[in-house]
């Protein structure tokens, strides 16, 4: 609790913290689980960050046209402006974010790429190449990982967040191929689709093919290279920062599972995978992402 807080402030703090935790348990359970390996006094700050990311990621899922999505993204820009002006909006995530920023001293510009890159989500097929995907994930997933690492260990190097975030983001894109296809969206790079003579509209039918398997295999191999680089860099950071990088453990499990099913992204949907959680528990306790 913030020293000198009134009873009303304490209640509001508890409410917004609980809201963020519940939001993550429902919408981003993976990051929520990784946050449990952070020191208790740091978890609420992580939850605020991850809740912001979840709110931004959901924009494209809840709007019916791009203009409405742009309006929502602008709302979050102005919400951040309000935080830094000392007048945060009355919204549970904004209030939690304001406390996190006050506690950590994070600069306003850190959040810019996180919001700006989400405009790509409003396009049906935004990425022309794998390089475009990597750039997008660097601004989104890697930014979240770097900020989380800074929250946990402010003086530690955060270079591992770049490859770690890209790996986690690639795993998410592959896991969500069917979900995005149902929304009329495709985050797979067009250059890889074109090599296999695939079109984004081919994914709507959710049929596995050797061509789709080749695209997924390329993304998995790229993700595994990123994991290796992240783990090399993270070996030099303090253990307190490790929970920020634990999504990499889950990405590694996802890539192994995809190899076992012949790179069929649809075969893992809704399937219980207790080994994935067990792997997180083991590596989380060992402090090795």
Foldseek 3Di string as FASTA:
>chain_A
DDPPDDPVRVVLLVVLLVVLLVCCVVQPVPLSVLLVLAPPVLSSLLSLLVSVLRQLLCLLVPDDALVSSVVVLVVVLVQLVCLVVVHHDPDSSSVSNSVSCVVQVDDSVLCVLQSVLSSQSRDQERAQDVVRLLVSQQSHQLSSLQVLLCSQPVPWDSVLSSLLSSLLVLLVLLLCLQVSLCVSHHHQHNVLCVVLVHDSPVCVVLDDDVSLLVSLLVSLVSSVVSLVVSQVVCVPTDLSSLSSRLSSLLSVVSSVVCVVVSNRSVVPPPDDDVVSVVSSVVCSVVSGD
